[in-house]
């Protein structure tokens, strides 16, 4: 194939369809009509003599040929981007770039307000999008495939080919209703185990850290869990209207307490070790101007994020 006879914009269409698994969504991402994306896909199919994407109930699934091409195309587009960045350094004041970060429920409640405030102040034209991968493997794939710029959360280090930076250490605390009969004094381990509990099980690794810590204390299986929830929305109201207890990350507890006056923060009757909250990215974007700027911004605003005052006071 002669590169002089192919429109390099077709590779942007290829990447968008690969990322979204949808012709319509690819068009929205690229600000193109659906018919224009379909036409570009037809030209790609003709060039490579392969369907590239096959329509299924789960969306446009890549063929083996497309899977082989993706990493080569992504690497090539990244090199073009890096070349442009070197010639024209990233300018947050004028950029309209779309940046994507992986962020789970906890991150949305605790980190997103700070992130958006910092981004809008420094780069008013930059657009942000969040995704919520459900597993460590999915997070690794999204970063490796260039579908997201950064991943923030309590995932462990993703290993070879990835970079990471610890933003801050997180720990756990206890939420109960303000009028709970056990509030206002030091809770004993027996009282904690006799109580009924809400278990918050989000995507990410914070719940795994809690389970490991409780297991080490020998009390994981001894808790009386009456409700298990994948989301924190509504849990503050549940705790405020019952004698159930909720053990969860400190900064999320502070955010929930700020929205629900009927709950209070209390110390746990045992010590749980802190766990790190990381910012992770793929090594291929080390020299990308926009990614480097975003990493620096988040380090300045989230690095060593202080513990909320209401947690320190245990009110």
C-alpha atoms as a PDB file:
ATOM      1  CA  UNK A   1       0.000   0.000   0.000  1.00  0.00           C
ATOM      2  CA  UNK A   2       1.387   3.413  -0.990  1.00  0.00           C
ATOM      3  CA  UNK A   3       1.000   5.867   1.905  1.00  0.00           C
ATOM      4  CA  UNK A   4       0.847   8.710  -0.610  1.00  0.00           C
ATOM      5  CA  UNK A   5      -2.501   7.413  -1.853  1.00  0.00           C
ATOM      6  CA  UNK A   6      -4.329   6.999   1.470  1.00  0.00           C
ATOM      7  CA  UNK A   7      -6.072   9.615   3.574  1.00  0.00           C
ATOM      8  CA  UNK A   8      -4.460   9.435   7.014  1.00  0.00           C
ATOM      9  CA  UNK A   9      -7.714  10.695   8.563  1.00  0.00           C
ATOM     10  CA  UNK A  10      -9.120   7.223   7.889  1.00  0.00           C
ATOM     11  CA  UNK A  11      -6.934   5.937  10.702  1.00  0.00           C
ATOM     12  CA  UNK A  12      -8.643   8.350  13.115  1.00  0.00           C
ATOM     13  CA  UNK A  13     -11.961   6.827  12.080  1.00  0.00           C
ATOM     14  CA  UNK A  14     -10.522   3.336  12.576  1.00  0.00           C
ATOM     15  CA  UNK A  15      -9.372   4.226  16.100  1.00  0.00           C
ATOM     16  CA  UNK A  16     -12.713   5.804  17.029  1.00  0.00           C
ATOM     17  CA  UNK A  17     -14.718   2.773  15.874  1.00  0.00           C
ATOM     18  CA  UNK A  18     -12.304   0.449  17.672  1.00  0.00           C
ATOM     19  CA  UNK A  19     -12.686   2.451  20.892  1.00  0.00           C
ATOM     20  CA  UNK A  20     -16.469   2.901  20.795  1.00  0.00           C
ATOM     21  CA  UNK A  21     -17.548  -0.262  18.922  1.00  0.00           C
ATOM     22  CA  UNK A  22     -20.090   1.969  17.201  1.00  0.00           C
ATOM     23  CA  UNK A  23     -20.238   3.909  13.920  1.00  0.00           C
ATOM     24  CA  UNK A  24     -22.645   6.404  15.476  1.00  0.00           C
ATOM     25  CA  UNK A  25     -20.549   6.956  18.616  1.00  0.00           C
ATOM     26  CA  UNK A  26     -17.390   7.222  16.510  1.00  0.00           C
ATOM     27  CA  UNK A  27     -19.037   9.965  14.496  1.00  0.00           C
ATOM     28  CA  UNK A  28     -20.007  11.842  17.654  1.00  0.00           C
ATOM     29  CA  UNK A  29     -16.454  11.562  18.960  1.00  0.00           C
ATOM     30  CA  UNK A  30     -15.000  12.864  15.678  1.00  0.00           C
ATOM     31  CA  UNK A  31     -17.777  15.404  14.980  1.00  0.00           C
ATOM     32  CA  UNK A  32     -18.631  13.533  11.759  1.00  0.00           C
ATOM     33  CA  UNK A  33     -21.966  12.351  10.397  1.00  0.00           C
ATOM     34  CA  UNK A  34     -22.788   8.655  10.562  1.00  0.00           C
ATOM     35  CA  UNK A  35     -22.757   8.441   6.759  1.00  0.00           C
ATOM     36  CA  UNK A  36     -19.277  10.007   6.630  1.00  0.00           C
ATOM     37  CA  UNK A  37     -17.965   7.462   9.133  1.00  0.00           C
ATOM     38  CA  UNK A  38     -19.608   4.613   7.184  1.00  0.00           C
ATOM     39  CA  UNK A  39     -18.005   5.862   3.997  1.00  0.00           C
ATOM     40  CA  UNK A  40     -14.602   6.068   5.669  1.00  0.00           C
ATOM     41  CA  UNK A  41     -15.015   2.517   6.985  1.00  0.00           C
ATOM     42  CA  UNK A  42     -15.864   1.304   3.462  1.00  0.00           C
ATOM     43  CA  UNK A  43     -12.671   2.903   2.140  1.00  0.00           C
ATOM     44  CA  UNK A  44     -10.655   1.244   4.908  1.00  0.00           C
ATOM     45  CA  UNK A  45     -12.226  -2.138   4.122  1.00  0.00           C
ATOM     46  CA  UNK A  46     -11.339  -1.717   0.461  1.00  0.00           C
ATOM     47  CA  UNK A  47      -7.753  -0.725   1.317  1.00  0.00           C
ATOM     48  CA  UNK A  48      -7.136  -3.673   3.630  1.00  0.00           C
ATOM     49  CA  UNK A  49      -9.382  -6.165   1.818  1.00  0.00           C
ATOM     50  CA  UNK A  50     -10.955  -7.096   5.151  1.00  0.00           C
ATOM     51  CA  UNK A  51     -14.279  -6.266   6.896  1.00  0.00           C
ATOM     52  CA  UNK A  52     -12.256  -4.880   9.866  1.00  0.00           C
ATOM     53  CA  UNK A  53     -15.430  -4.520  11.996  1.00  0.00           C
ATOM     54  CA  UNK A  54     -18.413  -6.874  12.078  1.00  0.00           C
ATOM     55  CA  UNK A  55     -21.818  -5.775  13.390  1.00  0.00           C
ATOM     56  CA  UNK A  56     -22.972  -7.909  16.359  1.00  0.00           C
ATOM     57  CA  UNK A  57     -25.427  -7.547  19.222  1.00  0.00           C
ATOM     58  CA  UNK A  58     -22.515  -6.242  21.307  1.00  0.00           C
ATOM     59  CA  UNK A  59     -21.553  -3.601  18.739  1.00  0.00           C
ATOM     60  CA  UNK A  60     -18.987  -3.389  15.958  1.00  0.00           C
ATOM     61  CA  UNK A  61     -16.503  -6.103  16.882  1.00  0.00           C
ATOM     62  CA  UNK A  62     -12.993  -5.963  15.348  1.00  0.00           C
ATOM     63  CA  UNK A  63     -11.809  -8.784  13.129  1.00  0.00           C
ATOM     64  CA  UNK A  64      -8.425 -10.444  13.771  1.00  0.00           C
ATOM     65  CA  UNK A  65      -6.970  -8.178  11.087  1.00  0.00           C
ATOM     66  CA  UNK A  66      -8.297  -5.074  12.879  1.00  0.00           C
ATOM     67  CA  UNK A  67      -6.884  -6.295  16.180  1.00  0.00           C
ATOM     68  CA  UNK A  68      -3.470  -6.671  14.587  1.00  0.00           C
ATOM     69  CA  UNK A  69      -3.685  -3.250  12.973  1.00  0.00           C
ATOM     70  CA  UNK A  70      -4.878  -1.375  16.049  1.00  0.00           C
ATOM     71  CA  UNK A  71      -1.614  -1.246  17.974  1.00  0.00           C
ATOM     72  CA  UNK A  72       0.355  -0.308  14.837  1.00  0.00           C
ATOM     73  CA  UNK A  73      -2.111   2.456  13.970  1.00  0.00           C
ATOM     74  CA  UNK A  74      -2.252   3.694  17.567  1.00  0.00           C
ATOM     75  CA  UNK A  75       1.531   3.814  17.761  1.00  0.00           C
ATOM     76  CA  UNK A  76       1.702   5.712  14.476  1.00  0.00           C
ATOM     77  CA  UNK A  77      -0.936   8.252  15.549  1.00  0.00           C
ATOM     78  CA  UNK A  78       0.853   8.715  18.867  1.00  0.00           C
ATOM     79  CA  UNK A  79       4.102   9.488  17.046  1.00  0.00           C
ATOM     80  CA  UNK A  80       2.293  12.039  14.875  1.00  0.00           C
ATOM     81  CA  UNK A  81       0.844  13.604  18.038  1.00  0.00           C
ATOM     82  CA  UNK A  82       4.242  13.712  19.705  1.00  0.00           C
ATOM     83  CA  UNK A  83       5.781  15.289  16.610  1.00  0.00           C
ATOM     84  CA  UNK A  84       3.090  17.978  16.620  1.00  0.00           C
ATOM     85  CA  UNK A  85       3.551  18.550  20.364  1.00  0.00           C
ATOM     86  CA  UNK A  86       7.275  19.028  19.891  1.00  0.00           C
ATOM     87  CA  UNK A  87       6.648  21.550  17.145  1.00  0.00           C
ATOM     88  CA  UNK A  88       3.790  23.206  19.011  1.00  0.00           C
ATOM     89  CA  UNK A  89       3.896  22.606  22.741  1.00  0.00           C
ATOM     90  CA  UNK A  90       0.614  21.977  24.522  1.00  0.00           C
ATOM     91  CA  UNK A  91      -1.017  25.265  25.533  1.00  0.00           C
ATOM     92  CA  UNK A  92      -3.726  24.710  28.158  1.00  0.00           C
ATOM     93  CA  UNK A  93      -5.019  28.242  27.731  1.00  0.00           C
ATOM     94  CA  UNK A  94      -6.017  27.627  24.094  1.00  0.00           C
ATOM     95  CA  UNK A  95      -6.388  23.833  23.812  1.00  0.00           C
ATOM     96  CA  UNK A  96      -9.780  22.228  23.183  1.00  0.00           C
ATOM     97  CA  UNK A  97      -8.480  18.690  23.633  1.00  0.00           C
ATOM     98  CA  UNK A  98     -10.724  15.961  25.040  1.00  0.00           C
ATOM     99  CA  UNK A  99      -9.053  14.100  27.916  1.00  0.00           C
ATOM    100  CA  UNK A 100     -10.379  10.873  29.386  1.00  0.00           C
ATOM    101  CA  UNK A 101      -9.673   9.494  32.850  1.00  0.00           C
ATOM    102  CA  UNK A 102     -10.723   6.299  34.592  1.00  0.00           C
ATOM    103  CA  UNK A 103     -12.511   7.108  37.833  1.00  0.00           C
ATOM    104  CA  UNK A 104     -14.818   4.978  39.955  1.00  0.00           C
ATOM    105  CA  UNK A 105     -17.677   6.040  42.241  1.00  0.00           C
ATOM    106  CA  UNK A 106     -15.338   7.054  45.046  1.00  0.00           C
ATOM    107  CA  UNK A 107     -13.253   9.149  42.666  1.00  0.00           C
ATOM    108  CA  UNK A 108     -16.347  10.906  41.319  1.00  0.00           C
ATOM    109  CA  UNK A 109     -17.442  11.898  44.808  1.00  0.00           C
ATOM    110  CA  UNK A 110     -14.027  12.725  46.270  1.00  0.00           C
ATOM    111  CA  UNK A 111     -11.736  13.785  43.420  1.00  0.00           C
ATOM    112  CA  UNK A 112     -13.838  14.985  40.483  1.00  0.00           C
ATOM    113  CA  UNK A 113     -14.888  18.370  41.956  1.00  0.00           C
ATOM    114  CA  UNK A 114     -11.239  19.261  42.611  1.00  0.00           C
ATOM    115  CA  UNK A 115     -10.145  17.952  39.197  1.00  0.00           C
ATOM    116  CA  UNK A 116     -12.751  19.929  37.275  1.00  0.00           C
ATOM    117  CA  UNK A 117     -12.135  23.091  39.263  1.00  0.00           C
ATOM    118  CA  UNK A 118      -8.410  22.921  38.516  1.00  0.00           C
ATOM    119  CA  UNK A 119      -8.877  22.040  34.830  1.00  0.00           C
ATOM    120  CA  UNK A 120     -11.435  24.763  34.156  1.00  0.00           C
ATOM    121  CA  UNK A 121      -9.300  27.393  35.869  1.00  0.00           C
ATOM    122  CA  UNK A 122      -6.151  26.540  33.887  1.00  0.00           C
ATOM    123  CA  UNK A 123      -7.620  25.267  30.609  1.00  0.00           C
ATOM    124  CA  UNK A 124     -11.177  26.519  29.995  1.00  0.00           C
ATOM    125  CA  UNK A 125     -11.372  24.896  26.555  1.00  0.00           C
ATOM    126  CA  UNK A 126     -10.191  21.441  27.593  1.00  0.00           C
ATOM    127  CA  UNK A 127     -13.022  18.884  27.813  1.00  0.00           C
ATOM    128  CA  UNK A 128     -13.044  15.996  30.271  1.00  0.00           C
ATOM    129  CA  UNK A 129     -14.690  12.565  30.145  1.00  0.00           C
ATOM    130  CA  UNK A 130     -14.701   9.864  32.800  1.00  0.00           C
ATOM    131  CA  UNK A 131     -15.055   6.101  32.421  1.00  0.00           C
ATOM    132  CA  UNK A 132     -15.469   3.481  35.127  1.00  0.00           C
ATOM    133  CA  UNK A 133     -13.602   0.261  34.341  1.00  0.00           C
ATOM    134  CA  UNK A 134     -14.752  -2.656  36.457  1.00  0.00           C
ATOM    135  CA  UNK A 135     -11.476  -4.577  36.667  1.00  0.00           C
ATOM    136  CA  UNK A 136      -7.749  -4.031  36.802  1.00  0.00           C
ATOM    137  CA  UNK A 137      -7.438  -5.837  33.463  1.00  0.00           C
ATOM    138  CA  UNK A 138      -9.898  -3.451  31.814  1.00  0.00           C
ATOM    139  CA  UNK A 139      -8.034  -0.461  33.212  1.00  0.00           C
ATOM    140  CA  UNK A 140      -4.786  -1.806  31.774  1.00  0.00           C
ATOM    141  CA  UNK A 141      -6.388  -2.359  28.362  1.00  0.00           C
ATOM    142  CA  UNK A 142      -7.941   1.110  28.212  1.00  0.00           C
ATOM    143  CA  UNK A 143      -4.586   2.732  28.955  1.00  0.00           C
ATOM    144  CA  UNK A 144      -2.663   0.471  26.604  1.00  0.00           C
ATOM    145  CA  UNK A 145      -5.121   1.015  23.751  1.00  0.00           C
ATOM    146  CA  UNK A 146      -5.084   4.782  24.206  1.00  0.00           C
ATOM    147  CA  UNK A 147      -8.782   4.970  25.071  1.00  0.00           C
ATOM    148  CA  UNK A 148      -8.037   6.884  28.282  1.00  0.00           C
ATOM    149  CA  UNK A 149      -5.223   9.234  29.278  1.00  0.00           C
ATOM    150  CA  UNK A 150      -4.965   8.426  32.991  1.00  0.00           C
ATOM    151  CA  UNK A 151      -6.395   6.079  35.606  1.00  0.00           C
ATOM    152  CA  UNK A 152      -6.960   7.321  39.147  1.00  0.00           C
ATOM    153  CA  UNK A 153      -7.789   5.061  42.051  1.00  0.00           C
ATOM    154  CA  UNK A 154      -6.667   2.329  44.366  1.00  0.00           C
ATOM    155  CA  UNK A 155      -5.725  -0.173  41.664  1.00  0.00           C
ATOM    156  CA  UNK A 156      -2.324  -1.742  42.348  1.00  0.00           C
ATOM    157  CA  UNK A 157       0.551  -0.820  40.063  1.00  0.00           C
ATOM    158  CA  UNK A 158      -0.296  -2.102  36.572  1.00  0.00           C
ATOM    159  CA  UNK A 159       3.219  -3.412  35.957  1.00  0.00           C
ATOM    160  CA  UNK A 160       5.647  -3.307  33.038  1.00  0.00           C
ATOM    161  CA  UNK A 161       4.879  -0.692  30.404  1.00  0.00           C
ATOM    162  CA  UNK A 162       2.975   1.533  32.824  1.00  0.00           C
ATOM    163  CA  UNK A 163       3.963   4.433  35.054  1.00  0.00           C
ATOM    164  CA  UNK A 164       2.414   5.431  38.347  1.00  0.00           C
ATOM    165  CA  UNK A 165       2.559   8.084  41.028  1.00  0.00           C
ATOM    166  CA  UNK A 166       1.070   7.924  44.519  1.00  0.00           C
ATOM    167  CA  UNK A 167      -1.241  10.880  45.035  1.00  0.00           C
ATOM    168  CA  UNK A 168      -2.111  10.275  48.691  1.00  0.00           C
ATOM    169  CA  UNK A 169      -2.760   7.548  51.233  1.00  0.00           C
ATOM    170  CA  UNK A 170      -6.321   6.682  52.207  1.00  0.00           C
ATOM    171  CA  UNK A 171      -7.686   4.844  55.239  1.00  0.00           C
ATOM    172  CA  UNK A 172     -11.060   3.748  56.608  1.00  0.00           C
ATOM    173  CA  UNK A 173     -13.568   5.120  59.061  1.00  0.00           C
ATOM    174  CA  UNK A 174     -17.074   4.387  60.325  1.00  0.00           C
ATOM    175  CA  UNK A 175     -20.385   6.072  59.580  1.00  0.00           C
ATOM    176  CA  UNK A 176     -23.481   5.790  61.795  1.00  0.00           C
ATOM    177  CA  UNK A 177     -26.598   7.852  62.337  1.00  0.00           C
ATOM    178  CA  UNK A 178     -26.182  10.943  64.495  1.00  0.00           C
ATOM    179  CA  UNK A 179     -28.667   9.594  67.061  1.00  0.00           C
ATOM    180  CA  UNK A 180     -27.121   6.115  67.155  1.00  0.00           C
ATOM    181  CA  UNK A 181     -27.123   4.776  70.751  1.00  0.00           C
ATOM    182  CA  UNK A 182     -23.417   3.929  70.477  1.00  0.00           C
ATOM    183  CA  UNK A 183     -22.337   7.330  69.222  1.00  0.00           C
ATOM    184  CA  UNK A 184     -20.311   9.639  71.447  1.00  0.00           C
ATOM    185  CA  UNK A 185     -17.981   7.125  73.059  1.00  0.00           C
ATOM    186  CA  UNK A 186     -15.241   4.750  72.030  1.00  0.00           C
ATOM    187  CA  UNK A 187     -16.742   1.754  70.240  1.00  0.00           C
ATOM    188  CA  UNK A 188     -15.560  -1.680  71.332  1.00  0.00           C
ATOM    189  CA  UNK A 189     -14.804  -4.511  68.942  1.00  0.00           C
ATOM    190  CA  UNK A 190     -17.679  -6.534  70.419  1.00  0.00           C
ATOM    191  CA  UNK A 191     -20.122  -3.691  69.798  1.00  0.00           C
ATOM    192  CA  UNK A 192     -18.859  -3.339  66.224  1.00  0.00           C
ATOM    193  CA  UNK A 193     -19.378  -7.053  65.589  1.00  0.00           C
ATOM    194  CA  UNK A 194     -22.774  -7.132  67.309  1.00  0.00           C
ATOM    195  CA  UNK A 195     -24.037  -4.306  65.102  1.00  0.00           C
ATOM    196  CA  UNK A 196     -25.560  -4.779  61.641  1.00  0.00           C
ATOM    197  CA  UNK A 197     -23.526  -3.460  58.719  1.00  0.00           C
ATOM    198  CA  UNK A 198     -23.869  -2.045  55.228  1.00  0.00           C
ATOM    199  CA  UNK A 199     -21.174  -3.276  52.846  1.00  0.00           C
ATOM    200  CA  UNK A 200     -20.165  -0.856  50.103  1.00  0.00           C
ATOM    201  CA  UNK A 201     -18.513  -2.789  47.262  1.00  0.00           C
ATOM    202  CA  UNK A 202     -17.436  -0.400  44.481  1.00  0.00           C
ATOM    203  CA  UNK A 203     -15.389  -1.078  41.379  1.00  0.00           C
ATOM    204  CA  UNK A 204     -11.720  -0.540  42.176  1.00  0.00           C
ATOM    205  CA  UNK A 205      -9.516  -1.960  44.880  1.00  0.00           C
ATOM    206  CA  UNK A 206     -10.575  -0.105  48.038  1.00  0.00           C
ATOM    207  CA  UNK A 207     -13.045  -2.836  49.047  1.00  0.00           C
ATOM    208  CA  UNK A 208     -10.352  -5.449  48.456  1.00  0.00           C
ATOM    209  CA  UNK A 209      -8.068  -3.482  50.770  1.00  0.00           C
ATOM    210  CA  UNK A 210     -10.794  -3.378  53.423  1.00  0.00           C
ATOM    211  CA  UNK A 211     -11.513  -7.098  53.100  1.00  0.00           C
ATOM    212  CA  UNK A 212      -7.815  -7.928  53.409  1.00  0.00           C
ATOM    213  CA  UNK A 213      -7.456  -5.734  56.474  1.00  0.00           C
ATOM    214  CA  UNK A 214     -10.533  -7.194  58.192  1.00  0.00           C
ATOM    215  CA  UNK A 215      -9.349 -10.681  57.307  1.00  0.00           C
ATOM    216  CA  UNK A 216      -6.005  -9.965  58.946  1.00  0.00           C
ATOM    217  CA  UNK A 217      -7.881  -8.844  62.043  1.00  0.00           C
ATOM    218  CA  UNK A 218      -9.813 -12.114  61.975  1.00  0.00           C
ATOM    219  CA  UNK A 219     -13.200 -10.390  61.843  1.00  0.00           C
ATOM    220  CA  UNK A 220     -14.128 -10.381  58.134  1.00  0.00           C
ATOM    221  CA  UNK A 221     -16.591 -13.271  58.374  1.00  0.00           C
ATOM    222  CA  UNK A 222     -17.912 -12.145  61.769  1.00  0.00           C
ATOM    223  CA  UNK A 223     -19.593  -8.947  60.572  1.00  0.00           C
ATOM    224  CA  UNK A 224     -23.381  -9.046  60.209  1.00  0.00           C
ATOM    225  CA  UNK A 225     -23.891  -7.615  56.703  1.00  0.00           C
ATOM    226  CA  UNK A 226     -27.542  -6.842  55.957  1.00  0.00           C
ATOM    227  CA  UNK A 227     -27.040  -4.829  52.759  1.00  0.00           C
ATOM    228  CA  UNK A 228     -24.360  -5.021  50.050  1.00  0.00           C
ATOM    229  CA  UNK A 229     -24.291  -2.161  47.540  1.00  0.00           C
ATOM    230  CA  UNK A 230     -22.205  -1.523  44.422  1.00  0.00           C
ATOM    231  CA  UNK A 231     -22.880   2.242  44.659  1.00  0.00           C
ATOM    232  CA  UNK A 232     -22.692   4.774  47.475  1.00  0.00           C
ATOM    233  CA  UNK A 233     -25.650   6.869  46.259  1.00  0.00           C
ATOM    234  CA  UNK A 234     -28.426   6.500  48.817  1.00  0.00           C
ATOM    235  CA  UNK A 235     -26.290   4.822  51.457  1.00  0.00           C
ATOM    236  CA  UNK A 236     -26.044   7.959  53.609  1.00  0.00           C
ATOM    237  CA  UNK A 237     -29.843   8.086  53.848  1.00  0.00           C
ATOM    238  CA  UNK A 238     -29.935   4.362  54.633  1.00  0.00           C
ATOM    239  CA  UNK A 239     -27.471   4.800  57.503  1.00  0.00           C
ATOM    240  CA  UNK A 240     -29.226   7.950  58.750  1.00  0.00           C
ATOM    241  CA  UNK A 241     -32.530   6.064  59.090  1.00  0.00           C
ATOM    242  CA  UNK A 242     -31.227   2.911  60.793  1.00  0.00           C
ATOM    243  CA  UNK A 243     -28.767   1.600  63.374  1.00  0.00           C
ATOM    244  CA  UNK A 244     -26.666   0.038  60.620  1.00  0.00           C
ATOM    245  CA  UNK A 245     -22.978   0.914  60.378  1.00  0.00           C
ATOM    246  CA  UNK A 246     -20.940   1.592  57.253  1.00  0.00           C
ATOM    247  CA  UNK A 247     -17.154   1.198  57.010  1.00  0.00           C
ATOM    248  CA  UNK A 248     -15.667   3.038  54.047  1.00  0.00           C
ATOM    249  CA  UNK A 249     -12.773   5.287  52.890  1.00  0.00           C
ATOM    250  CA  UNK A 250     -12.343   8.403  55.014  1.00  0.00           C
ATOM    251  CA  UNK A 251     -12.623  11.006  52.255  1.00  0.00           C
ATOM    252  CA  UNK A 252     -15.776   9.416  50.881  1.00  0.00           C
ATOM    253  CA  UNK A 253     -17.216   9.371  54.408  1.00  0.00           C
ATOM    254  CA  UNK A 254     -16.532  13.106  54.671  1.00  0.00           C
ATOM    255  CA  UNK A 255     -18.235  13.756  51.317  1.00  0.00           C
ATOM    256  CA  UNK A 256     -21.294  11.738  52.353  1.00  0.00           C
ATOM    257  CA  UNK A 257     -21.475  13.433  55.751  1.00  0.00           C
ATOM    258  CA  UNK A 258     -21.397  16.817  54.051  1.00  0.00           C
ATOM    259  CA  UNK A 259     -24.546  15.914  52.105  1.00  0.00           C
ATOM    260  CA  UNK A 260     -26.438  14.139  54.898  1.00  0.00           C
ATOM    261  CA  UNK A 261     -26.684  15.920  58.287  1.00  0.00           C
ATOM    262  CA  UNK A 262     -28.218  12.857  59.889  1.00  0.00           C
ATOM    263  CA  UNK A 263     -24.985  10.846  59.951  1.00  0.00           C
ATOM    264  CA  UNK A 264     -21.794  11.062  62.008  1.00  0.00           C
ATOM    265  CA  UNK A 265     -18.221   9.834  61.664  1.00  0.00           C
ATOM    266  CA  UNK A 266     -16.766   7.566  64.359  1.00  0.00           C
ATOM    267  CA  UNK A 267     -13.391   5.840  64.767  1.00  0.00           C
ATOM    268  CA  UNK A 268     -13.131   2.109  64.179  1.00  0.00           C
ATOM    269  CA  UNK A 269     -12.361  -0.047  67.231  1.00  0.00           C
ATOM    270  CA  UNK A 270      -9.265  -1.443  65.491  1.00  0.00           C
ATOM    271  CA  UNK A 271      -6.466  -0.098  63.323  1.00  0.00           C
ATOM    272  CA  UNK A 272      -6.596  -0.663  59.565  1.00  0.00           C
ATOM    273  CA  UNK A 273      -3.497   0.107  57.486  1.00  0.00           C
ATOM    274  CA  UNK A 274      -3.771   2.888  54.887  1.00  0.00           C
ATOM    275  CA  UNK A 275      -3.723   2.130  51.168  1.00  0.00           C
ATOM    276  CA  UNK A 276      -2.341   4.310  48.332  1.00  0.00           C
ATOM    277  CA  UNK A 277      -4.418   6.117  45.722  1.00  0.00           C
ATOM    278  CA  UNK A 278      -2.452   6.106  42.466  1.00  0.00           C
ATOM    279  CA  UNK A 279      -2.372   7.999  39.203  1.00  0.00           C
ATOM    280  CA  UNK A 280      -1.344   5.621  36.390  1.00  0.00           C
ATOM    281  CA  UNK A 281      -0.603   6.007  32.676  1.00  0.00           C
ATOM    282  CA  UNK A 282       1.025   4.114  29.815  1.00  0.00           C
ATOM    283  CA  UNK A 283       4.691   4.766  29.121  1.00  0.00           C
ATOM    284  CA  UNK A 284       3.874   5.627  25.486  1.00  0.00           C
ATOM    285  CA  UNK A 285       2.406   8.969  26.577  1.00  0.00           C
ATOM    286  CA  UNK A 286       5.341  10.018  28.758  1.00  0.00           C
ATOM    287  CA  UNK A 287       6.323  12.717  26.268  1.00  0.00           C
ATOM    288  CA  UNK A 288       2.810  13.720  25.243  1.00  0.00           C
ATOM    289  CA  UNK A 289       2.455  17.400  26.120  1.00  0.00           C
ATOM    290  CA  UNK A 290      -1.209  17.273  27.108  1.00  0.00           C
ATOM    291  CA  UNK A 291      -0.870  14.151  29.201  1.00  0.00           C
ATOM    292  CA  UNK A 292       2.195  15.566  30.937  1.00  0.00           C
ATOM    293  CA  UNK A 293       0.305  18.785  31.702  1.00  0.00           C
ATOM    294  CA  UNK A 294      -2.684  16.899  33.118  1.00  0.00           C
ATOM    295  CA  UNK A 295      -0.445  14.727  35.298  1.00  0.00           C
ATOM    296  CA  UNK A 296       1.298  17.790  36.680  1.00  0.00           C
ATOM    297  CA  UNK A 297      -2.013  19.521  37.367  1.00  0.00           C
ATOM    298  CA  UNK A 298      -3.419  16.528  39.254  1.00  0.00           C
ATOM    299  CA  UNK A 299      -0.207  16.084  41.232  1.00  0.00           C
ATOM    300  CA  UNK A 300      -0.369  19.706  42.378  1.00  0.00           C
ATOM    301  CA  UNK A 301      -4.038  19.606  43.328  1.00  0.00           C
ATOM    302  CA  UNK A 302      -4.471  16.014  44.531  1.00  0.00           C
ATOM    303  CA  UNK A 303      -0.992  15.160  45.765  1.00  0.00           C
ATOM    304  CA  UNK A 304      -1.031  14.706  49.536  1.00  0.00           C
ATOM    305  CA  UNK A 305      -4.734  15.538  49.601  1.00  0.00           C
ATOM    306  CA  UNK A 306      -5.375  16.488  53.242  1.00  0.00           C
ATOM    307  CA  UNK A 307      -7.671  14.491  55.452  1.00  0.00           C
ATOM    308  CA  UNK A 308     -11.020  16.311  55.833  1.00  0.00           C
ATOM    309  CA  UNK A 309     -11.348  18.197  59.113  1.00  0.00           C
ATOM    310  CA  UNK A 310     -14.529  16.397  60.131  1.00  0.00           C
ATOM    311  CA  UNK A 311     -12.688  13.058  59.923  1.00  0.00           C
ATOM    312  CA  UNK A 312      -9.820  14.361  62.003  1.00  0.00           C
ATOM    313  CA  UNK A 313     -12.297  15.633  64.603  1.00  0.00           C
ATOM    314  CA  UNK A 314     -14.413  12.423  64.382  1.00  0.00           C
ATOM    315  CA  UNK A 315     -17.611  14.392  64.768  1.00  0.00           C
END
